[in-house]
N, C-alpha and C. Protein backbone atom coordinates (compact mmCIF):
# COMPACT_ATOMS: atom_id res chain seq x y z
N UNK A 1 30.63 17.47 66.47
CA UNK A 1 30.18 16.15 65.26
C UNK A 1 29.28 15.06 66.60
N UNK A 2 29.90 15.15 67.25
CA UNK A 2 28.71 14.90 68.49
C UNK A 2 28.15 14.99 68.95
N UNK A 3 26.88 15.23 68.69
CA UNK A 3 25.53 16.14 69.07
C UNK A 3 25.85 15.93 70.45
N UNK A 4 25.54 14.97 71.55
CA UNK A 4 26.44 14.34 72.79
C UNK A 4 26.86 15.81 73.56
N UNK A 5 26.04 16.12 74.77
CA UNK A 5 26.37 17.29 75.97
C UNK A 5 28.17 16.81 76.21
N UNK A 6 28.60 17.72 77.05
CA UNK A 6 29.30 17.45 77.36
C UNK A 6 29.32 16.63 78.70
N UNK A 7 28.79 17.03 79.39
CA UNK A 7 27.82 16.77 80.63
C UNK A 7 27.01 16.03 80.78
N UNK A 8 26.69 14.87 81.08
CA UNK A 8 25.03 14.27 81.21
C UNK A 8 24.93 14.12 82.69
N UNK A 9 25.19 14.43 83.42
CA UNK A 9 24.57 14.58 84.72
C UNK A 9 23.26 15.45 85.48
N UNK A 10 23.29 14.61 85.90
CA UNK A 10 21.59 14.29 86.29
C UNK A 10 22.20 15.67 87.54
N UNK A 11 21.77 16.79 88.02
CA UNK A 11 21.56 17.61 89.56
C UNK A 11 20.44 17.36 90.07
N UNK A 12 20.85 18.39 90.84
CA UNK A 12 19.71 18.32 92.14
C UNK A 12 18.63 19.18 92.09
N UNK A 13 18.91 20.04 90.86
CA UNK A 13 17.42 21.01 91.41
C UNK A 13 16.99 20.42 89.80
N UNK A 14 17.01 19.10 88.77
CA UNK A 14 16.18 17.97 88.38
C UNK A 14 15.33 17.04 89.31
N UNK A 15 15.24 17.00 90.75
CA UNK A 15 14.96 16.74 91.37
C UNK A 15 13.67 16.72 91.95
N UNK A 16 12.70 16.40 91.87
CA UNK A 16 11.50 17.08 92.19
C UNK A 16 11.01 15.86 93.79
N UNK A 17 11.09 16.92 94.05
CA UNK A 17 10.80 16.84 96.30
C UNK A 17 10.02 17.43 96.68
N UNK A 18 9.22 18.46 95.92
CA UNK A 18 8.09 19.15 95.93
C UNK A 18 7.02 17.98 96.86
N UNK A 19 5.89 18.12 97.89
CA UNK A 19 4.90 17.06 98.11
C UNK A 19 3.94 17.89 97.33
N UNK A 20 4.13 19.41 97.56
CA UNK A 20 2.83 20.22 96.75
C UNK A 20 2.69 19.80 95.42
N UNK A 21 4.20 19.92 94.94
CA UNK A 21 3.99 19.46 93.03
C UNK A 21 2.95 18.11 92.68
N UNK A 22 3.95 17.00 93.67
CA UNK A 22 3.36 15.88 93.13
C UNK A 22 2.09 15.35 93.93
N UNK A 23 1.71 15.63 94.33
CA UNK A 23 -0.22 15.71 94.94
C UNK A 23 -0.57 16.67 93.98
N UNK A 24 -0.08 17.12 93.15
CA UNK A 24 -1.02 18.03 92.33
C UNK A 24 -0.80 17.61 90.87
N UNK A 25 0.01 17.10 90.56
CA UNK A 25 0.73 16.11 89.55
C UNK A 25 0.00 14.85 89.94
N UNK A 26 -0.46 14.27 91.00
CA UNK A 26 -1.16 12.44 91.05
C UNK A 26 -2.38 12.64 91.00
N UNK A 27 -3.09 14.20 91.09
CA UNK A 27 -4.13 14.56 91.91
C UNK A 27 -5.29 14.56 90.68
N UNK A 28 -6.93 14.20 90.60
CA UNK A 28 -7.46 13.62 89.71
C UNK A 28 -7.28 15.56 88.53
N UNK A 29 -7.22 15.42 87.42
CA UNK A 29 -7.46 16.25 85.94
C UNK A 29 -6.07 16.79 86.23
N UNK A 30 -5.14 16.51 87.91
CA UNK A 30 -4.05 17.48 87.37
C UNK A 30 -2.55 17.45 86.08
N UNK A 31 -2.65 16.25 85.94
CA UNK A 31 -1.78 15.67 84.39
C UNK A 31 -1.88 16.21 83.35
N UNK A 32 -1.05 17.47 82.60
CA UNK A 32 -1.14 17.41 81.21
C UNK A 32 -1.10 16.61 80.18
N UNK A 33 -0.02 15.55 80.66
CA UNK A 33 0.18 14.47 79.67
C UNK A 33 0.87 13.65 80.38
N UNK A 34 0.16 12.23 79.92
CA UNK A 34 0.23 11.05 80.19
C UNK A 34 0.32 9.84 79.03
N UNK A 35 1.37 9.47 79.74
CA UNK A 35 1.21 8.18 78.28
C UNK A 35 2.24 6.88 78.70
N UNK A 36 1.62 5.81 78.30
CA UNK A 36 1.70 4.35 78.89
C UNK A 36 3.05 3.78 77.77
N UNK A 37 4.51 3.39 77.84
CA UNK A 37 5.16 2.68 77.04
C UNK A 37 6.16 1.55 77.77
N UNK A 38 5.50 -0.15 77.84
CA UNK A 38 5.45 -1.08 78.73
C UNK A 38 6.70 -0.96 79.20
N UNK A 39 7.43 -1.13 80.19
CA UNK A 39 6.39 -1.03 81.33
C UNK A 39 6.91 0.27 82.08
N UNK A 40 7.34 1.39 81.44
CA UNK A 40 7.36 2.50 82.18
C UNK A 40 5.90 3.24 81.95
N UNK A 41 5.12 3.68 82.80
CA UNK A 41 4.23 5.36 82.50
C UNK A 41 5.24 6.68 83.01
N UNK A 42 4.36 7.43 82.01
CA UNK A 42 5.26 8.44 82.42
C UNK A 42 3.50 10.01 82.46
N UNK A 43 3.61 10.52 84.24
CA UNK A 43 2.99 11.65 83.66
C UNK A 43 3.48 13.31 83.95
N UNK A 44 3.46 13.93 83.67
CA UNK A 44 3.55 15.32 83.58
C UNK A 44 2.56 16.37 83.39
N UNK A 45 3.39 17.25 84.48
CA UNK A 45 2.29 18.41 84.49
C UNK A 45 3.28 20.21 84.11
N UNK A 46 2.88 21.37 83.58
CA UNK A 46 3.57 22.55 83.77
C UNK A 46 3.42 22.87 84.71
N UNK A 47 4.38 23.61 85.65
CA UNK A 47 4.28 24.38 86.80
C UNK A 47 5.54 25.36 86.70
N UNK A 48 4.80 26.14 85.86
CA UNK A 48 5.10 27.52 86.34
C UNK A 48 5.82 28.16 86.98
N UNK A 49 5.55 28.09 88.34
CA UNK A 49 5.74 28.51 89.50
C UNK A 49 6.46 27.54 89.87
N UNK A 50 7.32 26.85 89.31
CA UNK A 50 8.76 26.28 90.42
C UNK A 50 9.86 27.23 90.31
N UNK A 51 10.80 27.31 91.00
CA UNK A 51 11.53 27.80 91.86
C UNK A 51 13.00 27.60 91.40
N UNK A 52 13.17 26.48 90.16
CA UNK A 52 13.83 25.73 89.66
C UNK A 52 14.68 25.75 88.81
N UNK A 53 15.49 26.79 88.14
CA UNK A 53 16.17 27.30 87.16
C UNK A 53 15.87 25.94 85.45
N UNK A 54 15.70 24.40 86.55
CA UNK A 54 16.15 22.96 85.19
C UNK A 54 14.71 23.23 84.79
N UNK A 55 14.55 22.53 83.12
CA UNK A 55 13.09 22.80 82.30
C UNK A 55 11.98 21.29 82.95
N UNK A 56 12.97 20.46 83.95
CA UNK A 56 12.12 19.27 83.90
C UNK A 56 12.21 18.75 85.68
N UNK A 57 11.74 18.73 86.38
CA UNK A 57 12.10 18.10 87.70
C UNK A 57 11.74 16.67 87.77
N UNK A 58 11.98 15.45 88.09
CA UNK A 58 11.28 14.51 87.80
C UNK A 58 11.65 13.11 88.88
N UNK A 59 11.01 12.41 89.18
CA UNK A 59 10.85 11.45 90.56
C UNK A 59 10.78 10.06 89.54
N UNK A 60 11.19 9.04 90.31
CA UNK A 60 10.49 7.87 89.81
C UNK A 60 10.39 6.88 90.53
N UNK A 61 9.06 6.39 90.41
CA UNK A 61 8.27 5.71 91.32
C UNK A 61 8.13 3.84 90.72
N UNK A 62 8.61 3.33 92.09
CA UNK A 62 8.53 1.42 91.63
C UNK A 62 7.31 1.23 92.64
N UNK A 63 6.50 0.99 92.25
CA UNK A 63 5.41 0.53 93.51
C UNK A 63 5.98 -1.23 94.44
N UNK A 64 5.75 -1.31 95.75
CA UNK A 64 6.20 -2.13 96.01
C UNK A 64 4.75 -3.63 95.57
N UNK A 65 4.22 -2.91 95.36
CA UNK A 65 3.20 -3.75 94.88
C UNK A 65 4.07 -4.83 93.74
N UNK A 66 4.45 -3.56 92.51
CA UNK A 66 4.71 -4.71 91.35
C UNK A 66 6.07 -5.35 92.12
N UNK A 67 6.92 -4.77 92.51
CA UNK A 67 8.03 -5.60 93.07
C UNK A 67 8.44 -5.33 94.41
N UNK A 68 7.88 -6.93 95.00
CA UNK A 68 8.07 -6.70 96.82
C UNK A 68 9.87 -6.51 97.63
N UNK A 69 10.77 -6.70 96.56
CA UNK A 69 11.68 -7.12 97.42
C UNK A 69 12.27 -6.11 97.04
N UNK A 70 12.98 -4.75 98.62
CA UNK A 70 13.83 -3.54 97.93
C UNK A 70 14.75 -3.54 96.86
N UNK A 71 15.65 -4.37 96.70
CA UNK A 71 16.19 -4.84 96.18
C UNK A 71 16.08 -4.43 94.76
N UNK A 72 15.28 -5.31 93.51
CA UNK A 72 14.65 -4.95 93.28
C UNK A 72 14.27 -3.61 92.33
N UNK A 73 13.23 -3.20 93.57
CA UNK A 73 13.22 -1.86 93.61
C UNK A 73 13.82 -0.82 92.77
N UNK A 74 15.69 -0.66 93.73
CA UNK A 74 16.23 0.16 93.59
C UNK A 74 16.69 -0.42 92.74
N UNK A 75 16.51 -1.66 91.68
CA UNK A 75 17.62 -1.95 90.24
C UNK A 75 17.20 -1.26 89.04
N UNK A 76 15.72 -1.22 89.22
CA UNK A 76 14.39 -1.05 88.41
C UNK A 76 14.71 0.33 88.57
N UNK A 77 14.71 1.41 89.72
CA UNK A 77 14.63 2.55 89.47
C UNK A 77 16.24 3.13 89.35
N UNK A 78 16.92 2.53 89.50
CA UNK A 78 18.47 3.04 88.81
C UNK A 78 18.66 2.44 87.00
N UNK A 79 17.63 1.64 86.68
CA UNK A 79 17.89 1.78 85.33
C UNK A 79 17.06 2.87 84.62
N UNK A 80 15.72 2.76 85.17
CA UNK A 80 14.86 4.07 84.44
C UNK A 80 15.97 5.15 84.64
N UNK A 81 16.64 5.72 86.03
CA UNK A 81 16.88 7.09 86.09
C UNK A 81 18.26 7.11 84.40
N UNK A 82 18.76 5.99 84.45
CA UNK A 82 19.91 5.76 83.82
C UNK A 82 19.79 6.17 82.24
N UNK A 83 18.11 4.74 82.28
CA UNK A 83 17.73 5.93 81.11
C UNK A 83 17.29 7.34 80.81
N UNK A 84 17.13 7.41 81.65
CA UNK A 84 16.60 9.41 81.70
C UNK A 84 17.50 9.84 81.31
N UNK A 85 19.19 9.67 81.97
CA UNK A 85 20.03 10.65 82.46
C UNK A 85 20.59 10.19 80.54
N UNK A 86 20.80 9.33 79.87
CA UNK A 86 21.38 9.07 78.84
C UNK A 86 20.53 9.29 77.46
N UNK A 87 19.47 9.53 78.12
CA UNK A 87 18.58 10.52 77.00
C UNK A 87 17.40 11.28 76.58
N UNK A 88 17.27 11.80 77.57
CA UNK A 88 16.83 13.40 77.83
C UNK A 88 17.42 14.24 77.11
N UNK A 89 18.71 14.29 76.56
CA UNK A 89 19.29 15.48 76.39
C UNK A 89 18.69 15.45 74.88
N UNK A 90 18.32 14.14 74.16
CA UNK A 90 17.96 14.26 73.17
C UNK A 90 17.03 15.17 72.56
N UNK A 91 16.08 15.05 73.69
CA UNK A 91 14.60 15.88 73.35
C UNK A 91 14.48 17.19 73.78
N UNK A 92 14.05 18.36 73.02
CA UNK A 92 13.80 19.11 73.49
C UNK A 92 12.62 20.01 73.63
N UNK A 93 12.41 20.77 74.65
CA UNK A 93 10.96 21.00 74.94
C UNK A 93 11.25 22.95 74.46
N UNK A 94 9.74 23.52 74.43
CA UNK A 94 9.44 25.34 73.91
C UNK A 94 10.53 25.55 75.62
N UNK A 95 11.04 26.39 74.88
CA UNK A 95 11.92 27.46 75.74
C UNK A 95 10.80 28.04 76.66
N UNK A 96 11.74 28.26 78.33
CA UNK A 96 11.39 28.32 79.30
C UNK A 96 9.95 28.07 80.13
N UNK A 97 9.67 26.70 79.75
CA UNK A 97 8.39 25.73 79.52
C UNK A 97 9.04 25.00 81.24
N UNK A 98 8.56 24.54 82.11
CA UNK A 98 8.88 24.07 83.50
C UNK A 98 7.84 22.68 83.34
N UNK A 99 8.44 21.91 83.49
CA UNK A 99 7.53 20.68 83.58
C UNK A 99 7.97 19.52 85.15
N UNK A 100 6.97 18.96 85.65
CA UNK A 100 7.13 18.07 87.03
C UNK A 100 6.84 16.72 86.04
N UNK A 101 7.56 15.96 85.95
CA UNK A 101 7.35 14.70 85.51
C UNK A 101 7.31 13.85 86.43
N UNK A 102 6.81 12.65 86.17
CA UNK A 102 6.68 11.37 86.95
C UNK A 102 6.66 10.67 86.45
N UNK A 103 7.82 9.16 86.51
CA UNK A 103 7.98 8.18 85.58
C UNK A 103 7.63 6.86 86.61
N UNK A 104 6.57 5.87 85.82
CA UNK A 104 6.32 5.23 86.71
C UNK A 104 6.15 3.15 86.89
N UNK A 105 6.89 2.73 86.88
CA UNK A 105 7.00 1.95 86.92
C UNK A 105 5.57 0.68 86.99
N UNK A 106 5.19 0.43 85.99
CA UNK A 106 3.82 -0.43 85.58
C UNK A 106 4.23 -2.18 84.96
N UNK A 107 5.48 -2.37 85.21
CA UNK A 107 5.96 -3.72 85.18
C UNK A 107 6.04 -4.81 86.12
N UNK A 108 5.40 -6.09 85.84
CA UNK A 108 5.19 -6.98 86.87
C UNK A 108 6.98 -7.74 87.59
N UNK A 109 7.69 -7.42 86.55
CA UNK A 109 8.76 -8.02 87.15
C UNK A 109 10.29 -7.72 86.80
N UNK A 110 11.13 -7.76 87.31
CA UNK A 110 12.22 -7.42 86.66
C UNK A 110 12.46 -7.22 85.01
N UNK A 111 12.59 -6.00 84.65
CA UNK A 111 12.74 -5.94 83.33
C UNK A 111 14.41 -5.47 82.77
N UNK A 112 15.12 -6.06 81.79
CA UNK A 112 16.24 -5.82 81.09
C UNK A 112 16.24 -4.79 80.94
N UNK A 113 17.35 -3.67 81.13
CA UNK A 113 17.87 -2.16 80.79
C UNK A 113 17.50 -1.68 79.82
N UNK A 114 17.87 -2.90 78.06
CA UNK A 114 17.31 -2.19 76.67
C UNK A 114 15.65 -2.29 76.54
N UNK A 115 15.38 -2.98 77.18
CA UNK A 115 13.87 -2.83 77.80
C UNK A 115 13.07 -1.10 77.94
N UNK A 116 13.74 -0.88 79.15
CA UNK A 116 13.36 -0.05 79.78
C UNK A 116 13.91 1.22 78.83
N UNK A 117 15.28 1.72 78.09
CA UNK A 117 15.87 2.28 77.34
C UNK A 117 14.78 2.64 76.09
N UNK A 118 13.96 1.62 75.28
CA UNK A 118 13.35 1.64 74.41
C UNK A 118 12.22 2.39 75.13
N UNK A 119 11.74 2.47 76.43
CA UNK A 119 10.41 2.48 76.41
C UNK A 119 10.40 4.29 76.44
N UNK A 120 11.74 4.71 77.18
CA UNK A 120 11.89 5.89 78.09
C UNK A 120 12.42 6.16 76.58
N UNK A 121 12.57 5.98 75.09
CA UNK A 121 13.10 6.81 74.52
C UNK A 121 11.80 7.38 73.57
N UNK A 122 10.68 6.39 73.51
CA UNK A 122 9.00 6.65 73.09
C UNK A 122 8.64 7.73 74.06
N UNK A 123 8.87 7.62 75.44
CA UNK A 123 8.06 8.65 76.86
C UNK A 123 8.44 10.22 76.06
N UNK A 124 9.60 10.18 76.01
CA UNK A 124 10.61 11.61 75.84
C UNK A 124 9.96 12.09 74.50
N UNK A 125 9.55 11.06 73.63
CA UNK A 125 9.48 11.52 72.20
C UNK A 125 7.68 12.03 72.39
N UNK A 126 7.48 11.54 72.81
CA UNK A 126 6.19 11.60 72.69
C UNK A 126 5.79 13.48 73.84
N UNK A 127 6.61 13.22 74.89
CA UNK A 127 6.79 14.31 76.24
C UNK A 127 7.41 15.74 75.06
N UNK A 128 7.99 15.15 74.04
CA UNK A 128 8.45 16.80 73.67
C UNK A 128 7.57 17.44 71.81
N UNK A 129 7.14 15.75 71.96
CA UNK A 129 5.48 16.11 70.96
C UNK A 129 4.36 16.75 72.13
N UNK A 130 4.45 16.41 73.15
CA UNK A 130 3.21 17.30 73.44
C UNK A 130 3.33 18.74 73.71
N UNK A 131 4.73 18.97 73.78
CA UNK A 131 4.88 20.50 74.60
C UNK A 131 6.80 20.63 73.37
N UNK A 132 5.44 21.31 72.46
CA UNK A 132 7.02 21.09 70.75
C UNK A 132 7.60 22.24 71.35
N UNK A 133 9.10 22.20 70.82
CA UNK A 133 9.51 23.77 71.32
C UNK A 133 9.62 24.56 69.91
N UNK A 134 10.10 26.04 69.94
CA UNK A 134 9.05 26.79 69.45
C UNK A 134 10.32 27.24 68.36
N UNK A 135 9.31 26.93 67.30
CA UNK A 135 10.26 26.95 66.29
C UNK A 135 10.74 27.78 65.49
N UNK A 136 10.00 28.91 65.93
CA UNK A 136 10.56 30.72 65.21
C UNK A 136 12.04 30.82 64.17
N UNK A 137 13.10 31.07 64.72
CA UNK A 137 13.87 30.97 63.86
C UNK A 137 14.52 30.69 62.58
N UNK A 138 14.14 29.55 62.53
CA UNK A 138 14.42 29.04 61.27
C UNK A 138 13.48 29.23 60.26
N UNK A 139 12.23 29.76 60.12
CA UNK A 139 11.61 30.37 59.34
C UNK A 139 12.78 31.95 58.67
N UNK A 140 12.62 32.69 59.80
CA UNK A 140 13.15 33.72 59.98
C UNK A 140 14.90 34.26 58.78
N UNK A 141 15.36 32.58 58.81
CA UNK A 141 16.83 32.51 58.05
C UNK A 141 16.46 31.81 56.59
N UNK A 142 15.08 31.67 56.48
CA UNK A 142 15.12 30.10 55.42
C UNK A 142 14.32 31.84 54.34
N UNK A 143 13.79 33.05 55.49
CA UNK A 143 13.56 34.27 54.55
C UNK A 143 14.86 35.32 54.16
N UNK A 144 15.84 35.05 55.09
CA UNK A 144 17.36 35.74 54.56
C UNK A 144 17.56 35.23 53.70
N UNK A 145 17.95 33.62 53.80
CA UNK A 145 18.60 33.10 52.56
C UNK A 145 17.95 33.18 50.96
N UNK A 146 16.15 33.31 51.15
CA UNK A 146 16.04 33.80 49.85
C UNK A 146 16.04 35.19 49.04
N UNK A 147 16.58 35.94 50.07
CA UNK A 147 17.59 37.77 49.68
C UNK A 147 18.44 37.72 48.87
């Protein structure tokens, strides 16, 4: 009845830590997908060489230029992480794909959580549309039911 998984945890393997991967993600022409849903921007890149078995490794960046106080940066980082944690299970990706994803805060002030969550849902739906899941089992089941 409830489609949500039993655990909504974010694991260490989902954290993008590699300096090389981050540099490639933000280098000129390095991103496969980029979108903006104010106040959050997403940058994504396929990384089949990543050793982690997590389909998505992500990082969150809240620039000091946008929010001068560390307390505010931490608060926005937590809001973005919480929105991702609660919504990333609702969108599926192609099986076996490994993505490096960066969420960059582009707002000029503190934004309320509902604004961040709306933006996150739009970004995740765009990401799943850019890397659609393979739907080969569905046509086979339709053929079997026709027989």
